[in-house]
């Protein structure tokens, strides 16, 4: 049996099946509520990429579907994290190291605690791992993924300076492009958060009012 197949089977047992039995906890309920608001074009002053991506899953009348579908989406993000860790470690250290690295991730506290619930950690990790995976062959794709990590989870901004230092050392000729592409979603996300904080989300309310057939307002 191939290592990737083994990892998928372990993921099914450790992450996917438990998502139907775990109780809701406070942060998860908060994120589900935010995702529901985004479905109605109401945004809060924070990174909203994950909530935007999952908001269509909140369109169902069934409460069970509105809980388990976002959980399933996050579980598949965790699976993608696992496969990316395997591929990255295998590239530099071989199949055995790749399998053990992914196995350690699946049995880590972060994966067991957040991998089967609707949380932001697996999504942010997905963009960071994608940046690492694509950097050697597609540095610009990696740069965009690094910028999107902040749009998915604010705490990943702390890794951005280290990415720039690494990019400067490895891709000095392309550094300006890498800087611009990676910074673009970060700047947009800051402007998005600032517009909601200062102007009470005029974009969100205008869109919602327009869809409801009401005059758009600026506050």
C-alpha atoms as a PDB file:
ATOM      1  CA  UNK A   1       0.000   0.000   0.000  1.00  0.00           C
ATOM      2  CA  UNK A   2       1.386   3.390  -0.980  1.00  0.00           C
ATOM      3  CA  UNK A   3       2.256   5.897   1.724  1.00  0.00           C
ATOM      4  CA  UNK A   4      -0.275   8.446   0.454  1.00  0.00           C
ATOM      5  CA  UNK A   5      -3.054   5.839   0.576  1.00  0.00           C
ATOM      6  CA  UNK A   6      -2.085   4.973   4.152  1.00  0.00           C
ATOM      7  CA  UNK A   7      -2.211   8.651   5.083  1.00  0.00           C
ATOM      8  CA  UNK A   8      -5.673   9.045   3.564  1.00  0.00           C
ATOM      9  CA  UNK A   9      -6.957   6.043   5.507  1.00  0.00           C
ATOM     10  CA  UNK A  10      -5.479   7.390   8.746  1.00  0.00           C
ATOM     11  CA  UNK A  11      -7.042  10.776   7.973  1.00  0.00           C
ATOM     12  CA  UNK A  12     -10.448   9.123   7.525  1.00  0.00           C
ATOM     13  CA  UNK A  13     -10.181   7.454  10.929  1.00  0.00           C
ATOM     14  CA  UNK A  14      -8.549  10.307  12.846  1.00  0.00           C
ATOM     15  CA  UNK A  15     -10.124  13.379  11.234  1.00  0.00           C
ATOM     16  CA  UNK A  16     -13.073  12.734   8.910  1.00  0.00           C
ATOM     17  CA  UNK A  17     -15.170  10.270  10.912  1.00  0.00           C
ATOM     18  CA  UNK A  18     -14.839  12.195  14.210  1.00  0.00           C
ATOM     19  CA  UNK A  19     -16.159  15.410  12.637  1.00  0.00           C
ATOM     20  CA  UNK A  20     -19.686  13.943  12.910  1.00  0.00           C
ATOM     21  CA  UNK A  21     -19.351  13.262  16.646  1.00  0.00           C
ATOM     22  CA  UNK A  22     -17.410  16.207  18.080  1.00  0.00           C
ATOM     23  CA  UNK A  23     -19.325  18.798  20.051  1.00  0.00           C
ATOM     24  CA  UNK A  24     -19.374  22.413  18.964  1.00  0.00           C
ATOM     25  CA  UNK A  25     -17.003  24.664  20.819  1.00  0.00           C
ATOM     26  CA  UNK A  26     -17.079  28.432  21.232  1.00  0.00           C
ATOM     27  CA  UNK A  27     -14.745  29.529  18.417  1.00  0.00           C
ATOM     28  CA  UNK A  28     -16.395  27.164  15.960  1.00  0.00           C
ATOM     29  CA  UNK A  29     -19.816  28.611  16.696  1.00  0.00           C
ATOM     30  CA  UNK A  30     -18.367  32.092  16.206  1.00  0.00           C
ATOM     31  CA  UNK A  31     -16.901  31.144  12.807  1.00  0.00           C
ATOM     32  CA  UNK A  32     -20.145  29.521  11.676  1.00  0.00           C
ATOM     33  CA  UNK A  33     -21.985  32.712  12.585  1.00  0.00           C
ATOM     34  CA  UNK A  34     -19.456  34.859  10.689  1.00  0.00           C
ATOM     35  CA  UNK A  35     -19.761  32.611   7.637  1.00  0.00           C
ATOM     36  CA  UNK A  36     -23.533  32.981   7.780  1.00  0.00           C
ATOM     37  CA  UNK A  37     -23.165  36.766   7.911  1.00  0.00           C
ATOM     38  CA  UNK A  38     -20.866  36.725   4.884  1.00  0.00           C
ATOM     39  CA  UNK A  39     -23.536  34.795   2.995  1.00  0.00           C
ATOM     40  CA  UNK A  40     -25.713  37.878   3.511  1.00  0.00           C
ATOM     41  CA  UNK A  41     -22.858  40.260   2.615  1.00  0.00           C
ATOM     42  CA  UNK A  42     -22.196  41.317   6.197  1.00  0.00           C
ATOM     43  CA  UNK A  43     -18.463  41.417   6.940  1.00  0.00           C
ATOM     44  CA  UNK A  44     -16.571  41.831  10.181  1.00  0.00           C
ATOM     45  CA  UNK A  45     -13.220  43.654  10.447  1.00  0.00           C
ATOM     46  CA  UNK A  46     -11.014  40.603  10.074  1.00  0.00           C
ATOM     47  CA  UNK A  47      -9.550  38.357   7.378  1.00  0.00           C
ATOM     48  CA  UNK A  48     -12.530  36.829   5.609  1.00  0.00           C
ATOM     49  CA  UNK A  49     -11.183  34.593   2.833  1.00  0.00           C
ATOM     50  CA  UNK A  50     -12.191  31.337   4.555  1.00  0.00           C
ATOM     51  CA  UNK A  51     -15.617  32.695   5.427  1.00  0.00           C
ATOM     52  CA  UNK A  52     -16.143  33.793   1.821  1.00  0.00           C
ATOM     53  CA  UNK A  53     -15.082  30.380   0.480  1.00  0.00           C
ATOM     54  CA  UNK A  54     -17.358  28.479   2.848  1.00  0.00           C
ATOM     55  CA  UNK A  55     -20.324  30.870   2.913  1.00  0.00           C
ATOM     56  CA  UNK A  56     -22.231  28.959   0.152  1.00  0.00           C
ATOM     57  CA  UNK A  57     -22.309  25.990   2.537  1.00  0.00           C
ATOM     58  CA  UNK A  58     -24.426  28.077   4.924  1.00  0.00           C
ATOM     59  CA  UNK A  59     -27.264  28.470   2.415  1.00  0.00           C
ATOM     60  CA  UNK A  60     -29.013  25.262   3.523  1.00  0.00           C
ATOM     61  CA  UNK A  61     -32.014  25.269   5.840  1.00  0.00           C
ATOM     62  CA  UNK A  62     -30.753  22.236   7.739  1.00  0.00           C
ATOM     63  CA  UNK A  63     -28.720  23.133  10.818  1.00  0.00           C
ATOM     64  CA  UNK A  64     -26.877  19.818  10.558  1.00  0.00           C
ATOM     65  CA  UNK A  65     -25.699  20.634   7.030  1.00  0.00           C
ATOM     66  CA  UNK A  66     -24.621  24.124   8.098  1.00  0.00           C
ATOM     67  CA  UNK A  67     -22.403  22.527  10.733  1.00  0.00           C
ATOM     68  CA  UNK A  68     -21.114  19.391   9.056  1.00  0.00           C
ATOM     69  CA  UNK A  69     -20.433  20.774   5.554  1.00  0.00           C
ATOM     70  CA  UNK A  70     -18.020  23.509   6.779  1.00  0.00           C
ATOM     71  CA  UNK A  71     -16.451  20.891   9.024  1.00  0.00           C
ATOM     72  CA  UNK A  72     -16.023  18.549   6.064  1.00  0.00           C
ATOM     73  CA  UNK A  73     -14.466  21.339   3.990  1.00  0.00           C
ATOM     74  CA  UNK A  74     -11.993  22.027   6.796  1.00  0.00           C
ATOM     75  CA  UNK A  75     -11.254  18.314   7.136  1.00  0.00           C
ATOM     76  CA  UNK A  76     -10.370  18.155   3.435  1.00  0.00           C
ATOM     77  CA  UNK A  77      -8.131  21.195   3.929  1.00  0.00           C
ATOM     78  CA  UNK A  78      -6.413  19.191   6.672  1.00  0.00           C
ATOM     79  CA  UNK A  79      -6.034  16.262   4.273  1.00  0.00           C
ATOM     80  CA  UNK A  80      -4.434  18.565   1.712  1.00  0.00           C
ATOM     81  CA  UNK A  81      -2.082  19.842   4.429  1.00  0.00           C
ATOM     82  CA  UNK A  82      -1.104  16.251   5.158  1.00  0.00           C
ATOM     83  CA  UNK A  83      -0.392  15.426   1.516  1.00  0.00           C
ATOM     84  CA  UNK A  84       1.611  18.629   1.034  1.00  0.00           C
ATOM     85  CA  UNK A  85       3.729  17.860   4.084  1.00  0.00           C
ATOM     86  CA  UNK A  86       4.346  14.392   2.667  1.00  0.00           C
ATOM     87  CA  UNK A  87       5.345  15.731  -0.748  1.00  0.00           C
ATOM     88  CA  UNK A  88       7.611  18.463   0.658  1.00  0.00           C
ATOM     89  CA  UNK A  89       9.419  16.139   3.052  1.00  0.00           C
ATOM     90  CA  UNK A  90       9.699  13.407   0.394  1.00  0.00           C
ATOM     91  CA  UNK A  91      11.244  15.874  -2.051  1.00  0.00           C
ATOM     92  CA  UNK A  92      14.129  16.666   0.280  1.00  0.00           C
ATOM     93  CA  UNK A  93      14.443  13.607   2.523  1.00  0.00           C
ATOM     94  CA  UNK A  94      12.708  10.651   0.842  1.00  0.00           C
ATOM     95  CA  UNK A  95       9.421   8.732   1.175  1.00  0.00           C
ATOM     96  CA  UNK A  96      10.045   7.489   4.712  1.00  0.00           C
ATOM     97  CA  UNK A  97      10.646  10.991   6.030  1.00  0.00           C
ATOM     98  CA  UNK A  98       7.601  12.241   4.135  1.00  0.00           C
ATOM     99  CA  UNK A  99       5.367   9.574   5.633  1.00  0.00           C
ATOM    100  CA  UNK A 100       6.653  10.082   9.176  1.00  0.00           C
ATOM    101  CA  UNK A 101       6.331  13.867   8.890  1.00  0.00           C
ATOM    102  CA  UNK A 102       2.712  13.619   7.743  1.00  0.00           C
ATOM    103  CA  UNK A 103       1.962  11.035  10.402  1.00  0.00           C
ATOM    104  CA  UNK A 104       3.335  13.323  13.104  1.00  0.00           C
ATOM    105  CA  UNK A 105       1.138  16.118  11.768  1.00  0.00           C
ATOM    106  CA  UNK A 106      -2.020  13.966  11.794  1.00  0.00           C
ATOM    107  CA  UNK A 107      -1.368  12.952  15.404  1.00  0.00           C
ATOM    108  CA  UNK A 108      -0.428  16.454  16.523  1.00  0.00           C
ATOM    109  CA  UNK A 109      -2.606  18.474  18.883  1.00  0.00           C
ATOM    110  CA  UNK A 110      -3.364  21.049  16.191  1.00  0.00           C
ATOM    111  CA  UNK A 111      -4.660  18.460  13.714  1.00  0.00           C
ATOM    112  CA  UNK A 112      -6.652  16.513  16.293  1.00  0.00           C
ATOM    113  CA  UNK A 113      -8.081  19.662  17.891  1.00  0.00           C
ATOM    114  CA  UNK A 114      -8.811  21.761  14.812  1.00  0.00           C
ATOM    115  CA  UNK A 115      -8.604  19.457  11.790  1.00  0.00           C
ATOM    116  CA  UNK A 116     -12.137  18.076  12.116  1.00  0.00           C
ATOM    117  CA  UNK A 117     -13.845  21.286  13.209  1.00  0.00           C
ATOM    118  CA  UNK A 118     -14.725  24.434  11.295  1.00  0.00           C
ATOM    119  CA  UNK A 119     -11.665  26.446  12.262  1.00  0.00           C
ATOM    120  CA  UNK A 120      -9.196  28.647  10.407  1.00  0.00           C
ATOM    121  CA  UNK A 121      -5.907  26.947  11.312  1.00  0.00           C
ATOM    122  CA  UNK A 122      -5.975  24.209   8.605  1.00  0.00           C
ATOM    123  CA  UNK A 123      -6.826  26.781   5.928  1.00  0.00           C
ATOM    124  CA  UNK A 124      -3.981  29.131   6.782  1.00  0.00           C
ATOM    125  CA  UNK A 125      -1.615  26.176   6.956  1.00  0.00           C
ATOM    126  CA  UNK A 126      -2.803  25.094   3.509  1.00  0.00           C
ATOM    127  CA  UNK A 127      -1.688  28.364   1.904  1.00  0.00           C
ATOM    128  CA  UNK A 128       1.654  28.353   3.738  1.00  0.00           C
ATOM    129  CA  UNK A 129       2.406  24.776   2.705  1.00  0.00           C
ATOM    130  CA  UNK A 130       1.383  25.568  -0.874  1.00  0.00           C
ATOM    131  CA  UNK A 131       3.852  28.451  -0.867  1.00  0.00           C
ATOM    132  CA  UNK A 132       6.626  26.127   0.305  1.00  0.00           C
ATOM    133  CA  UNK A 133       5.674  23.417  -2.181  1.00  0.00           C
ATOM    134  CA  UNK A 134       5.580  25.689  -5.246  1.00  0.00           C
ATOM    135  CA  UNK A 135       8.427  28.060  -4.407  1.00  0.00           C
ATOM    136  CA  UNK A 136      11.224  26.260  -6.278  1.00  0.00           C
ATOM    137  CA  UNK A 137       9.345  25.724  -9.563  1.00  0.00           C
ATOM    138  CA  UNK A 138       6.656  28.432  -9.426  1.00  0.00           C
ATOM    139  CA  UNK A 139       7.859  31.228  -7.132  1.00  0.00           C
ATOM    140  CA  UNK A 140       5.165  33.668  -8.223  1.00  0.00           C
ATOM    141  CA  UNK A 141       2.409  31.148  -7.491  1.00  0.00           C
ATOM    142  CA  UNK A 142       4.065  30.550  -4.128  1.00  0.00           C
ATOM    143  CA  UNK A 143       4.140  34.303  -3.491  1.00  0.00           C
ATOM    144  CA  UNK A 144       0.419  34.644  -4.115  1.00  0.00           C
ATOM    145  CA  UNK A 145      -0.269  31.715  -1.812  1.00  0.00           C
ATOM    146  CA  UNK A 146       1.850  33.305   0.917  1.00  0.00           C
ATOM    147  CA  UNK A 147      -0.162  36.512   0.658  1.00  0.00           C
ATOM    148  CA  UNK A 148      -3.448  34.605   0.768  1.00  0.00           C
ATOM    149  CA  UNK A 149      -2.386  32.910   4.001  1.00  0.00           C
ATOM    150  CA  UNK A 150      -2.888  36.231   5.798  1.00  0.00           C
ATOM    151  CA  UNK A 151      -6.284  36.610   4.150  1.00  0.00           C
ATOM    152  CA  UNK A 152      -7.212  33.231   5.607  1.00  0.00           C
ATOM    153  CA  UNK A 153      -5.754  33.645   9.082  1.00  0.00           C
ATOM    154  CA  UNK A 154      -4.274  36.852  10.493  1.00  0.00           C
ATOM    155  CA  UNK A 155      -1.598  35.159  12.600  1.00  0.00           C
ATOM    156  CA  UNK A 156       0.215  33.883   9.503  1.00  0.00           C
ATOM    157  CA  UNK A 157       1.400  37.431   8.810  1.00  0.00           C
ATOM    158  CA  UNK A 158       4.183  36.727  11.316  1.00  0.00           C
ATOM    159  CA  UNK A 159       5.781  34.320   8.812  1.00  0.00           C
ATOM    160  CA  UNK A 160       5.778  36.839   5.954  1.00  0.00           C
ATOM    161  CA  UNK A 161       9.109  38.570   6.817  1.00  0.00           C
ATOM    162  CA  UNK A 162      10.841  35.180   6.920  1.00  0.00           C
ATOM    163  CA  UNK A 163       9.422  34.358   3.498  1.00  0.00           C
ATOM    164  CA  UNK A 164      10.787  37.609   2.095  1.00  0.00           C
ATOM    165  CA  UNK A 165      14.229  36.952   3.555  1.00  0.00           C
ATOM    166  CA  UNK A 166      14.243  33.463   2.052  1.00  0.00           C
ATOM    167  CA  UNK A 167      13.038  34.781  -1.302  1.00  0.00           C
ATOM    168  CA  UNK A 168      15.771  37.440  -1.319  1.00  0.00           C
ATOM    169  CA  UNK A 169      18.423  34.802  -0.738  1.00  0.00           C
ATOM    170  CA  UNK A 170      17.088  32.247  -3.237  1.00  0.00           C
ATOM    171  CA  UNK A 171      15.442  34.355  -5.964  1.00  0.00           C
ATOM    172  CA  UNK A 172      17.145  37.739  -5.867  1.00  0.00           C
ATOM    173  CA  UNK A 173      16.517  38.461  -9.547  1.00  0.00           C
ATOM    174  CA  UNK A 174      12.796  37.829  -9.142  1.00  0.00           C
ATOM    175  CA  UNK A 175      12.501  39.349  -5.699  1.00  0.00           C
ATOM    176  CA  UNK A 176      10.659  42.498  -6.785  1.00  0.00           C
ATOM    177  CA  UNK A 177       7.965  40.440  -8.526  1.00  0.00           C
ATOM    178  CA  UNK A 178       7.741  38.110  -5.529  1.00  0.00           C
ATOM    179  CA  UNK A 179       7.378  41.090  -3.193  1.00  0.00           C
ATOM    180  CA  UNK A 180       4.675  42.756  -5.275  1.00  0.00           C
ATOM    181  CA  UNK A 181       2.603  39.602  -5.834  1.00  0.00           C
ATOM    182  CA  UNK A 182       2.809  38.461  -2.216  1.00  0.00           C
ATOM    183  CA  UNK A 183       2.091  41.929  -0.840  1.00  0.00           C
ATOM    184  CA  UNK A 184      -0.903  42.561  -3.113  1.00  0.00           C
ATOM    185  CA  UNK A 185      -3.439  40.332  -1.256  1.00  0.00           C
ATOM    186  CA  UNK A 186      -2.010  41.461   2.077  1.00  0.00           C
ATOM    187  CA  UNK A 187      -2.517  45.138   1.258  1.00  0.00           C
ATOM    188  CA  UNK A 188      -6.005  44.448  -0.104  1.00  0.00           C
ATOM    189  CA  UNK A 189      -6.886  42.570   3.052  1.00  0.00           C
ATOM    190  CA  UNK A 190      -5.670  45.434   5.240  1.00  0.00           C
ATOM    191  CA  UNK A 191      -7.738  47.892   3.181  1.00  0.00           C
ATOM    192  CA  UNK A 192     -10.739  45.574   3.454  1.00  0.00           C
ATOM    193  CA  UNK A 193     -10.412  45.393   7.234  1.00  0.00           C
ATOM    194  CA  UNK A 194      -9.835  49.139   7.511  1.00  0.00           C
ATOM    195  CA  UNK A 195     -12.879  49.979   5.387  1.00  0.00           C
ATOM    196  CA  UNK A 196     -15.087  47.877   7.632  1.00  0.00           C
ATOM    197  CA  UNK A 197     -13.557  49.248  10.835  1.00  0.00           C
ATOM    198  CA  UNK A 198     -13.744  52.904   9.822  1.00  0.00           C
ATOM    199  CA  UNK A 199     -16.741  53.067   7.485  1.00  0.00           C
ATOM    200  CA  UNK A 200     -18.885  50.292   8.982  1.00  0.00           C
ATOM    201  CA  UNK A 201     -18.581  48.007   5.976  1.00  0.00           C
ATOM    202  CA  UNK A 202     -20.098  50.165   3.192  1.00  0.00           C
ATOM    203  CA  UNK A 203     -19.268  47.517   0.590  1.00  0.00           C
ATOM    204  CA  UNK A 204     -21.069  44.792   2.498  1.00  0.00           C
ATOM    205  CA  UNK A 205     -24.142  46.823   3.352  1.00  0.00           C
ATOM    206  CA  UNK A 206     -24.435  48.277  -0.138  1.00  0.00           C
ATOM    207  CA  UNK A 207     -24.333  44.837  -1.692  1.00  0.00           C
ATOM    208  CA  UNK A 208     -26.901  43.500   0.746  1.00  0.00           C
ATOM    209  CA  UNK A 209     -29.250  46.466   0.281  1.00  0.00           C
ATOM    210  CA  UNK A 210     -28.984  46.237  -3.500  1.00  0.00           C
ATOM    211  CA  UNK A 211     -29.842  42.520  -3.477  1.00  0.00           C
ATOM    212  CA  UNK A 212     -32.829  43.273  -1.254  1.00  0.00           C
ATOM    213  CA  UNK A 213     -34.028  45.977  -3.648  1.00  0.00           C
ATOM    214  CA  UNK A 214     -33.348  48.762  -1.180  1.00  0.00           C
ATOM    215  CA  UNK A 215     -31.450  52.036  -1.731  1.00  0.00           C
ATOM    216  CA  UNK A 216     -27.755  51.651  -0.935  1.00  0.00           C
ATOM    217  CA  UNK A 217     -26.481  53.518   2.105  1.00  0.00           C
ATOM    218  CA  UNK A 218     -22.991  54.662   3.062  1.00  0.00           C
ATOM    219  CA  UNK A 219     -23.172  53.876   6.780  1.00  0.00           C
END
